[in-house]
Protein backbone atom coordinates (compact mmCIF):
# COMPACT_ATOMS: atom_id res chain seq x y z
CA UNK A 1 0.00 0.00 0.00
CA UNK A 2 1.40 3.36 -1.02
CA UNK A 3 1.92 6.24 1.42
CA UNK A 4 -0.51 8.36 -0.61
CA UNK A 5 -3.29 5.76 -0.24
CA UNK A 6 -2.56 5.22 3.46
CA UNK A 7 -2.62 8.98 4.08
CA UNK A 8 -5.94 9.19 2.22
CA UNK A 9 -7.46 6.45 4.39
CA UNK A 10 -6.24 8.07 7.60
CA UNK A 11 -7.40 11.58 6.69
CA UNK A 12 -10.68 11.10 4.82
CA UNK A 13 -12.61 8.12 6.22
CA UNK A 14 -10.53 8.26 9.39
CA UNK A 15 -11.94 11.69 10.17
CA UNK A 16 -15.55 10.78 9.32
CA UNK A 17 -15.53 7.33 10.95
CA UNK A 18 -13.06 7.53 13.84
CA UNK A 19 -12.13 11.05 14.91
CA UNK A 20 -15.56 12.74 14.71
CA UNK A 21 -17.53 9.79 16.18
CA UNK A 22 -14.87 9.37 18.88
CA UNK A 23 -15.21 13.04 19.79
CA UNK A 24 -19.01 12.69 19.78
CA UNK A 25 -18.90 9.62 22.05
CA UNK A 26 -16.43 11.32 24.39
CA UNK A 27 -18.48 14.55 24.54
CA UNK A 28 -21.83 12.81 25.07
CA UNK A 29 -20.77 9.94 27.32
CA UNK A 30 -22.37 9.97 30.75
CA UNK A 31 -19.52 10.04 33.30
CA UNK A 32 -21.69 8.12 35.77
CA UNK A 33 -22.64 5.19 33.55
CA UNK A 34 -19.82 5.24 30.98
CA UNK A 35 -20.07 4.19 27.37
CA UNK A 36 -23.35 2.69 26.17
CA UNK A 37 -22.68 -0.23 23.83
CA UNK A 38 -25.22 -2.68 22.44
CA UNK A 39 -24.64 -6.16 23.80
CA UNK A 40 -24.27 -9.36 21.82
CA UNK A 41 -27.87 -10.25 22.65
CA UNK A 42 -29.19 -6.94 21.24
CA UNK A 43 -30.58 -6.84 17.72
CA UNK A 44 -29.04 -3.36 17.36
CA UNK A 45 -25.59 -4.88 17.75
CA UNK A 46 -26.08 -7.40 14.95
CA UNK A 47 -27.76 -4.95 12.58
CA UNK A 48 -25.01 -2.41 13.30
CA UNK A 49 -22.30 -5.02 12.77
CA UNK A 50 -23.86 -6.14 9.47
CA UNK A 51 -24.17 -2.54 8.26
CA UNK A 52 -20.64 -1.69 9.34
CA UNK A 53 -19.11 -4.77 7.71
CA UNK A 54 -21.09 -4.20 4.49
CA UNK A 55 -19.81 -0.61 4.47
CA UNK A 56 -16.24 -1.73 5.11
CA UNK A 57 -16.41 -4.28 2.29
CA UNK A 58 -17.82 -1.69 -0.09
CA UNK A 59 -15.13 0.83 0.95
CA UNK A 60 -12.31 -1.64 0.35
CA UNK A 61 -13.77 -2.61 -3.04
CA UNK A 62 -14.11 1.00 -4.21
CA UNK A 63 -10.65 2.06 -3.00
CA UNK A 64 -9.14 -0.94 -4.80
CA UNK A 65 -10.98 0.01 -8.01
CA UNK A 66 -9.64 3.57 -7.74
CA UNK A 67 -6.09 2.30 -7.21
CA UNK A 68 -6.06 -0.44 -9.86
CA UNK A 69 -8.40 0.79 -12.60
CA UNK A 70 -8.34 4.51 -11.91
CA UNK A 71 -4.61 4.69 -11.16
CA UNK A 72 -5.14 7.01 -8.21
CA UNK A 73 -6.79 7.35 -4.81
CA UNK A 74 -10.08 8.82 -3.53
CA UNK A 75 -8.16 11.89 -2.34
CA UNK A 76 -8.37 15.21 -4.16
CA UNK A 77 -4.55 15.49 -3.98
CA UNK A 78 -4.10 12.16 -5.85
CA UNK A 79 -7.27 11.60 -7.91
CA UNK A 80 -7.79 8.72 -10.34
CA UNK A 81 -6.32 9.32 -13.77
CA UNK A 82 -9.03 7.22 -15.44
CA UNK A 83 -12.80 7.27 -14.95
CA UNK A 84 -13.84 4.22 -12.92
CA UNK A 85 -17.11 2.69 -14.11
CA UNK A 86 -16.90 -0.85 -12.76
CA UNK A 87 -18.27 -2.86 -9.86
CA UNK A 88 -20.53 -0.76 -7.64
CA UNK A 89 -19.91 2.29 -9.85
CA UNK A 90 -22.14 0.61 -12.45
CA UNK A 91 -25.05 0.98 -10.00
CA UNK A 92 -24.43 4.27 -8.17
CA UNK A 93 -22.05 7.21 -8.66
CA UNK A 94 -20.96 7.56 -5.03
CA UNK A 95 -20.48 4.12 -3.48
CA UNK A 96 -17.65 5.42 -1.26
CA UNK A 97 -20.06 7.79 0.47
CA UNK A 98 -22.58 4.95 0.73
CA UNK A 99 -19.90 2.85 2.43
CA UNK A 100 -19.18 5.58 4.97
CA UNK A 101 -22.91 6.03 5.66
CA UNK A 102 -23.28 2.27 6.26
CA UNK A 103 -20.35 2.29 8.68
CA UNK A 104 -21.70 5.35 10.53
CA UNK A 105 -25.09 3.63 10.74
CA UNK A 106 -23.36 0.62 12.29
CA UNK A 107 -21.48 2.81 14.77
CA UNK A 108 -24.68 4.63 15.78
CA UNK A 109 -26.41 1.32 16.51
CA UNK A 110 -23.51 -0.40 18.24
CA UNK A 111 -22.74 2.64 20.42
CA UNK A 112 -26.45 3.36 20.95
CA UNK A 113 -25.70 6.95 19.94
CA UNK A 114 -28.27 9.31 18.48
CA UNK A 115 -25.53 12.00 18.21
CA UNK A 116 -23.59 9.68 15.84
CA UNK A 117 -26.83 9.16 13.91
CA UNK A 118 -27.11 12.95 13.69
CA UNK A 119 -23.49 13.08 12.43
CA UNK A 120 -24.49 10.54 9.75
CA UNK A 121 -27.22 12.93 8.58
CA UNK A 122 -24.89 15.95 8.64
CA UNK A 123 -22.26 13.98 6.70
CA UNK A 124 -24.84 13.02 4.05
CA UNK A 125 -26.19 16.58 3.73
CA UNK A 126 -22.69 18.07 3.39
CA UNK A 127 -21.82 15.56 0.68
CA UNK A 128 -25.22 16.09 -0.93
CA UNK A 129 -24.28 19.74 -1.39
CA UNK A 130 -20.58 19.21 -2.17
CA UNK A 131 -20.96 16.60 -4.93
CA UNK A 132 -23.20 18.51 -7.35
CA UNK A 133 -21.55 21.88 -6.68
CA UNK A 134 -17.90 20.84 -6.78
CA UNK A 135 -16.99 17.17 -7.27
CA UNK A 136 -19.14 16.54 -10.33
CA UNK A 137 -18.01 19.74 -12.05
CA UNK A 138 -14.39 18.68 -11.59
CA UNK A 139 -15.13 15.22 -12.95
CA UNK A 140 -16.79 16.76 -16.01
CA UNK A 141 -13.68 18.89 -16.62
CA UNK A 142 -11.33 15.90 -16.24
CA UNK A 143 -13.30 13.20 -18.05
CA UNK A 144 -15.58 15.22 -20.35
CA UNK A 145 -18.26 13.46 -22.35
CA UNK A 146 -17.49 10.05 -20.80
CA UNK A 147 -18.44 11.39 -17.35
CA UNK A 148 -21.50 13.28 -18.66
CA UNK A 149 -22.80 10.07 -20.28
CA UNK A 150 -22.10 8.15 -17.06
CA UNK A 151 -23.85 10.84 -15.00
CA UNK A 152 -26.94 10.62 -17.25
CA UNK A 153 -27.21 6.88 -16.73
CA UNK A 154 -26.13 6.20 -13.16
CA UNK A 155 -27.88 7.85 -10.18
CA UNK A 156 -25.95 9.83 -7.59
CA UNK A 157 -27.32 8.19 -4.42
CA UNK A 158 -29.99 5.55 -5.01
CA UNK A 159 -28.52 2.57 -6.86
CA UNK A 160 -30.04 1.34 -10.09
CA UNK A 161 -30.95 -2.34 -10.01
CA UNK A 162 -29.52 -3.29 -13.40
CA UNK A 163 -25.83 -2.39 -13.77
CA UNK A 164 -25.10 0.26 -16.38
CA UNK A 165 -22.95 -0.65 -19.35
CA UNK A 166 -21.08 1.99 -21.30
CA UNK A 167 -22.93 1.23 -24.53
CA UNK A 168 -26.33 1.92 -22.95
CA UNK A 169 -28.18 5.11 -23.91
CA UNK A 170 -30.28 7.15 -21.49
C-alpha atoms as a PDB file:
ATOM      1  CA  UNK A   1       0.000   0.000   0.000  1.00  0.00           C
ATOM      2  CA  UNK A   2       1.404   3.361  -1.019  1.00  0.00           C
ATOM      3  CA  UNK A   3       1.920   6.237   1.422  1.00  0.00           C
ATOM      4  CA  UNK A   4      -0.513   8.357  -0.614  1.00  0.00           C
ATOM      5  CA  UNK A   5      -3.289   5.765  -0.238  1.00  0.00           C
ATOM      6  CA  UNK A   6      -2.560   5.221   3.460  1.00  0.00           C
ATOM      7  CA  UNK A   7      -2.617   8.981   4.078  1.00  0.00           C
ATOM      8  CA  UNK A   8      -5.940   9.186   2.215  1.00  0.00           C
ATOM      9  CA  UNK A   9      -7.463   6.455   4.389  1.00  0.00           C
ATOM     10  CA  UNK A  10      -6.244   8.075   7.605  1.00  0.00           C
ATOM     11  CA  UNK A  11      -7.398  11.582   6.687  1.00  0.00           C
ATOM     12  CA  UNK A  12     -10.685  11.103   4.818  1.00  0.00           C
ATOM     13  CA  UNK A  13     -12.608   8.123   6.217  1.00  0.00           C
ATOM     14  CA  UNK A  14     -10.526   8.256   9.393  1.00  0.00           C
ATOM     15  CA  UNK A  15     -11.943  11.689  10.175  1.00  0.00           C
ATOM     16  CA  UNK A  16     -15.547  10.777   9.316  1.00  0.00           C
ATOM     17  CA  UNK A  17     -15.527   7.325  10.950  1.00  0.00           C
ATOM     18  CA  UNK A  18     -13.062   7.530  13.842  1.00  0.00           C
ATOM     19  CA  UNK A  19     -12.128  11.051  14.912  1.00  0.00           C
ATOM     20  CA  UNK A  20     -15.555  12.739  14.710  1.00  0.00           C
ATOM     21  CA  UNK A  21     -17.535   9.792  16.185  1.00  0.00           C
ATOM     22  CA  UNK A  22     -14.873   9.372  18.876  1.00  0.00           C
ATOM     23  CA  UNK A  23     -15.211  13.037  19.792  1.00  0.00           C
ATOM     24  CA  UNK A  24     -19.010  12.689  19.780  1.00  0.00           C
ATOM     25  CA  UNK A  25     -18.901   9.618  22.049  1.00  0.00           C
ATOM     26  CA  UNK A  26     -16.431  11.324  24.394  1.00  0.00           C
ATOM     27  CA  UNK A  27     -18.484  14.547  24.543  1.00  0.00           C
ATOM     28  CA  UNK A  28     -21.829  12.810  25.071  1.00  0.00           C
ATOM     29  CA  UNK A  29     -20.772   9.941  27.324  1.00  0.00           C
ATOM     30  CA  UNK A  30     -22.371   9.965  30.749  1.00  0.00           C
ATOM     31  CA  UNK A  31     -19.523  10.037  33.298  1.00  0.00           C
ATOM     32  CA  UNK A  32     -21.685   8.122  35.774  1.00  0.00           C
ATOM     33  CA  UNK A  33     -22.642   5.189  33.547  1.00  0.00           C
ATOM     34  CA  UNK A  34     -19.825   5.236  30.976  1.00  0.00           C
ATOM     35  CA  UNK A  35     -20.066   4.194  27.365  1.00  0.00           C
ATOM     36  CA  UNK A  36     -23.345   2.685  26.166  1.00  0.00           C
ATOM     37  CA  UNK A  37     -22.682  -0.227  23.833  1.00  0.00           C
ATOM     38  CA  UNK A  38     -25.216  -2.682  22.439  1.00  0.00           C
ATOM     39  CA  UNK A  39     -24.636  -6.161  23.797  1.00  0.00           C
ATOM     40  CA  UNK A  40     -24.266  -9.363  21.819  1.00  0.00           C
ATOM     41  CA  UNK A  41     -27.874 -10.255  22.648  1.00  0.00           C
ATOM     42  CA  UNK A  42     -29.191  -6.935  21.243  1.00  0.00           C
ATOM     43  CA  UNK A  43     -30.585  -6.836  17.723  1.00  0.00           C
ATOM     44  CA  UNK A  44     -29.042  -3.356  17.361  1.00  0.00           C
ATOM     45  CA  UNK A  45     -25.589  -4.878  17.746  1.00  0.00           C
ATOM     46  CA  UNK A  46     -26.080  -7.402  14.946  1.00  0.00           C
ATOM     47  CA  UNK A  47     -27.763  -4.952  12.578  1.00  0.00           C
ATOM     48  CA  UNK A  48     -25.014  -2.413  13.301  1.00  0.00           C
ATOM     49  CA  UNK A  49     -22.300  -5.021  12.771  1.00  0.00           C
ATOM     50  CA  UNK A  50     -23.858  -6.144   9.471  1.00  0.00           C
ATOM     51  CA  UNK A  51     -24.165  -2.542   8.259  1.00  0.00           C
ATOM     52  CA  UNK A  52     -20.640  -1.691   9.342  1.00  0.00           C
ATOM     53  CA  UNK A  53     -19.112  -4.769   7.706  1.00  0.00           C
ATOM     54  CA  UNK A  54     -21.086  -4.198   4.490  1.00  0.00           C
ATOM     55  CA  UNK A  55     -19.811  -0.613   4.468  1.00  0.00           C
ATOM     56  CA  UNK A  56     -16.238  -1.729   5.110  1.00  0.00           C
ATOM     57  CA  UNK A  57     -16.406  -4.279   2.293  1.00  0.00           C
ATOM     58  CA  UNK A  58     -17.817  -1.690  -0.090  1.00  0.00           C
ATOM     59  CA  UNK A  59     -15.133   0.830   0.946  1.00  0.00           C
ATOM     60  CA  UNK A  60     -12.308  -1.644   0.347  1.00  0.00           C
ATOM     61  CA  UNK A  61     -13.770  -2.605  -3.037  1.00  0.00           C
ATOM     62  CA  UNK A  62     -14.105   1.004  -4.206  1.00  0.00           C
ATOM     63  CA  UNK A  63     -10.653   2.065  -2.997  1.00  0.00           C
ATOM     64  CA  UNK A  64      -9.141  -0.935  -4.799  1.00  0.00           C
ATOM     65  CA  UNK A  65     -10.980   0.007  -8.007  1.00  0.00           C
ATOM     66  CA  UNK A  66      -9.643   3.569  -7.738  1.00  0.00           C
ATOM     67  CA  UNK A  67      -6.087   2.304  -7.211  1.00  0.00           C
ATOM     68  CA  UNK A  68      -6.059  -0.438  -9.859  1.00  0.00           C
ATOM     69  CA  UNK A  69      -8.404   0.788 -12.600  1.00  0.00           C
ATOM     70  CA  UNK A  70      -8.341   4.512 -11.910  1.00  0.00           C
ATOM     71  CA  UNK A  71      -4.614   4.685 -11.161  1.00  0.00           C
ATOM     72  CA  UNK A  72      -5.137   7.009  -8.207  1.00  0.00           C
ATOM     73  CA  UNK A  73      -6.794   7.351  -4.814  1.00  0.00           C
ATOM     74  CA  UNK A  74     -10.078   8.817  -3.530  1.00  0.00           C
ATOM     75  CA  UNK A  75      -8.160  11.888  -2.341  1.00  0.00           C
ATOM     76  CA  UNK A  76      -8.369  15.213  -4.158  1.00  0.00           C
ATOM     77  CA  UNK A  77      -4.550  15.492  -3.984  1.00  0.00           C
ATOM     78  CA  UNK A  78      -4.104  12.156  -5.855  1.00  0.00           C
ATOM     79  CA  UNK A  79      -7.274  11.599  -7.910  1.00  0.00           C
ATOM     80  CA  UNK A  80      -7.790   8.724 -10.339  1.00  0.00           C
ATOM     81  CA  UNK A  81      -6.318   9.317 -13.772  1.00  0.00           C
ATOM     82  CA  UNK A  82      -9.026   7.220 -15.443  1.00  0.00           C
ATOM     83  CA  UNK A  83     -12.800   7.272 -14.954  1.00  0.00           C
ATOM     84  CA  UNK A  84     -13.838   4.225 -12.919  1.00  0.00           C
ATOM     85  CA  UNK A  85     -17.107   2.688 -14.105  1.00  0.00           C
ATOM     86  CA  UNK A  86     -16.899  -0.851 -12.765  1.00  0.00           C
ATOM     87  CA  UNK A  87     -18.266  -2.860  -9.856  1.00  0.00           C
ATOM     88  CA  UNK A  88     -20.527  -0.758  -7.635  1.00  0.00           C
ATOM     89  CA  UNK A  89     -19.911   2.286  -9.849  1.00  0.00           C
ATOM     90  CA  UNK A  90     -22.138   0.615 -12.451  1.00  0.00           C
ATOM     91  CA  UNK A  91     -25.050   0.977  -9.995  1.00  0.00           C
ATOM     92  CA  UNK A  92     -24.433   4.274  -8.173  1.00  0.00           C
ATOM     93  CA  UNK A  93     -22.049   7.212  -8.662  1.00  0.00           C
ATOM     94  CA  UNK A  94     -20.962   7.561  -5.030  1.00  0.00           C
ATOM     95  CA  UNK A  95     -20.482   4.118  -3.483  1.00  0.00           C
ATOM     96  CA  UNK A  96     -17.654   5.416  -1.259  1.00  0.00           C
ATOM     97  CA  UNK A  97     -20.056   7.788   0.467  1.00  0.00           C
ATOM     98  CA  UNK A  98     -22.578   4.949   0.730  1.00  0.00           C
ATOM     99  CA  UNK A  99     -19.903   2.848   2.426  1.00  0.00           C
ATOM    100  CA  UNK A 100     -19.181   5.582   4.973  1.00  0.00           C
ATOM    101  CA  UNK A 101     -22.912   6.026   5.657  1.00  0.00           C
ATOM    102  CA  UNK A 102     -23.280   2.271   6.255  1.00  0.00           C
ATOM    103  CA  UNK A 103     -20.346   2.294   8.681  1.00  0.00           C
ATOM    104  CA  UNK A 104     -21.699   5.345  10.533  1.00  0.00           C
ATOM    105  CA  UNK A 105     -25.093   3.629  10.739  1.00  0.00           C
ATOM    106  CA  UNK A 106     -23.356   0.621  12.287  1.00  0.00           C
ATOM    107  CA  UNK A 107     -21.485   2.809  14.770  1.00  0.00           C
ATOM    108  CA  UNK A 108     -24.679   4.630  15.784  1.00  0.00           C
ATOM    109  CA  UNK A 109     -26.415   1.320  16.510  1.00  0.00           C
ATOM    110  CA  UNK A 110     -23.510  -0.396  18.244  1.00  0.00           C
ATOM    111  CA  UNK A 111     -22.738   2.642  20.420  1.00  0.00           C
ATOM    112  CA  UNK A 112     -26.453   3.364  20.953  1.00  0.00           C
ATOM    113  CA  UNK A 113     -25.703   6.950  19.944  1.00  0.00           C
ATOM    114  CA  UNK A 114     -28.269   9.314  18.477  1.00  0.00           C
ATOM    115  CA  UNK A 115     -25.526  11.996  18.207  1.00  0.00           C
ATOM    116  CA  UNK A 116     -23.588   9.679  15.845  1.00  0.00           C
ATOM    117  CA  UNK A 117     -26.835   9.158  13.906  1.00  0.00           C
ATOM    118  CA  UNK A 118     -27.111  12.954  13.693  1.00  0.00           C
ATOM    119  CA  UNK A 119     -23.494  13.081  12.427  1.00  0.00           C
ATOM    120  CA  UNK A 120     -24.489  10.544   9.748  1.00  0.00           C
ATOM    121  CA  UNK A 121     -27.223  12.933   8.578  1.00  0.00           C
ATOM    122  CA  UNK A 122     -24.887  15.948   8.639  1.00  0.00           C
ATOM    123  CA  UNK A 123     -22.260  13.977   6.695  1.00  0.00           C
ATOM    124  CA  UNK A 124     -24.836  13.017   4.055  1.00  0.00           C
ATOM    125  CA  UNK A 125     -26.188  16.584   3.732  1.00  0.00           C
ATOM    126  CA  UNK A 126     -22.691  18.072   3.392  1.00  0.00           C
ATOM    127  CA  UNK A 127     -21.824  15.556   0.678  1.00  0.00           C
ATOM    128  CA  UNK A 128     -25.224  16.089  -0.926  1.00  0.00           C
ATOM    129  CA  UNK A 129     -24.280  19.736  -1.391  1.00  0.00           C
ATOM    130  CA  UNK A 130     -20.578  19.211  -2.172  1.00  0.00           C
ATOM    131  CA  UNK A 131     -20.961  16.600  -4.927  1.00  0.00           C
ATOM    132  CA  UNK A 132     -23.200  18.509  -7.350  1.00  0.00           C
ATOM    133  CA  UNK A 133     -21.551  21.877  -6.677  1.00  0.00           C
ATOM    134  CA  UNK A 134     -17.898  20.841  -6.785  1.00  0.00           C
ATOM    135  CA  UNK A 135     -16.994  17.174  -7.267  1.00  0.00           C
ATOM    136  CA  UNK A 136     -19.139  16.545 -10.332  1.00  0.00           C
ATOM    137  CA  UNK A 137     -18.007  19.744 -12.048  1.00  0.00           C
ATOM    138  CA  UNK A 138     -14.395  18.675 -11.587  1.00  0.00           C
ATOM    139  CA  UNK A 139     -15.133  15.215 -12.951  1.00  0.00           C
ATOM    140  CA  UNK A 140     -16.792  16.764 -16.007  1.00  0.00           C
ATOM    141  CA  UNK A 141     -13.683  18.892 -16.621  1.00  0.00           C
ATOM    142  CA  UNK A 142     -11.332  15.900 -16.236  1.00  0.00           C
ATOM    143  CA  UNK A 143     -13.301  13.205 -18.049  1.00  0.00           C
ATOM    144  CA  UNK A 144     -15.577  15.221 -20.353  1.00  0.00           C
ATOM    145  CA  UNK A 145     -18.256  13.456 -22.347  1.00  0.00           C
ATOM    146  CA  UNK A 146     -17.493  10.054 -20.799  1.00  0.00           C
ATOM    147  CA  UNK A 147     -18.438  11.394 -17.348  1.00  0.00           C
ATOM    148  CA  UNK A 148     -21.499  13.283 -18.656  1.00  0.00           C
ATOM    149  CA  UNK A 149     -22.801  10.072 -20.277  1.00  0.00           C
ATOM    150  CA  UNK A 150     -22.097   8.147 -17.064  1.00  0.00           C
ATOM    151  CA  UNK A 151     -23.854  10.841 -15.000  1.00  0.00           C
ATOM    152  CA  UNK A 152     -26.941  10.625 -17.245  1.00  0.00           C
ATOM    153  CA  UNK A 153     -27.213   6.877 -16.731  1.00  0.00           C
ATOM    154  CA  UNK A 154     -26.128   6.205 -13.164  1.00  0.00           C
ATOM    155  CA  UNK A 155     -27.880   7.849 -10.183  1.00  0.00           C
ATOM    156  CA  UNK A 156     -25.946   9.830  -7.587  1.00  0.00           C
ATOM    157  CA  UNK A 157     -27.320   8.192  -4.422  1.00  0.00           C
ATOM    158  CA  UNK A 158     -29.994   5.547  -5.008  1.00  0.00           C
ATOM    159  CA  UNK A 159     -28.521   2.571  -6.865  1.00  0.00           C
ATOM    160  CA  UNK A 160     -30.042   1.341 -10.089  1.00  0.00           C
ATOM    161  CA  UNK A 161     -30.954  -2.336 -10.012  1.00  0.00           C
ATOM    162  CA  UNK A 162     -29.519  -3.294 -13.404  1.00  0.00           C
ATOM    163  CA  UNK A 163     -25.826  -2.386 -13.772  1.00  0.00           C
ATOM    164  CA  UNK A 164     -25.102   0.260 -16.379  1.00  0.00           C
ATOM    165  CA  UNK A 165     -22.950  -0.647 -19.346  1.00  0.00           C
ATOM    166  CA  UNK A 166     -21.079   1.994 -21.299  1.00  0.00           C
ATOM    167  CA  UNK A 167     -22.928   1.225 -24.534  1.00  0.00           C
ATOM    168  CA  UNK A 168     -26.333   1.921 -22.952  1.00  0.00           C
ATOM    169  CA  UNK A 169     -28.180   5.106 -23.908  1.00  0.00           C
ATOM    170  CA  UNK A 170     -30.280   7.155 -21.492  1.00  0.00           C
END
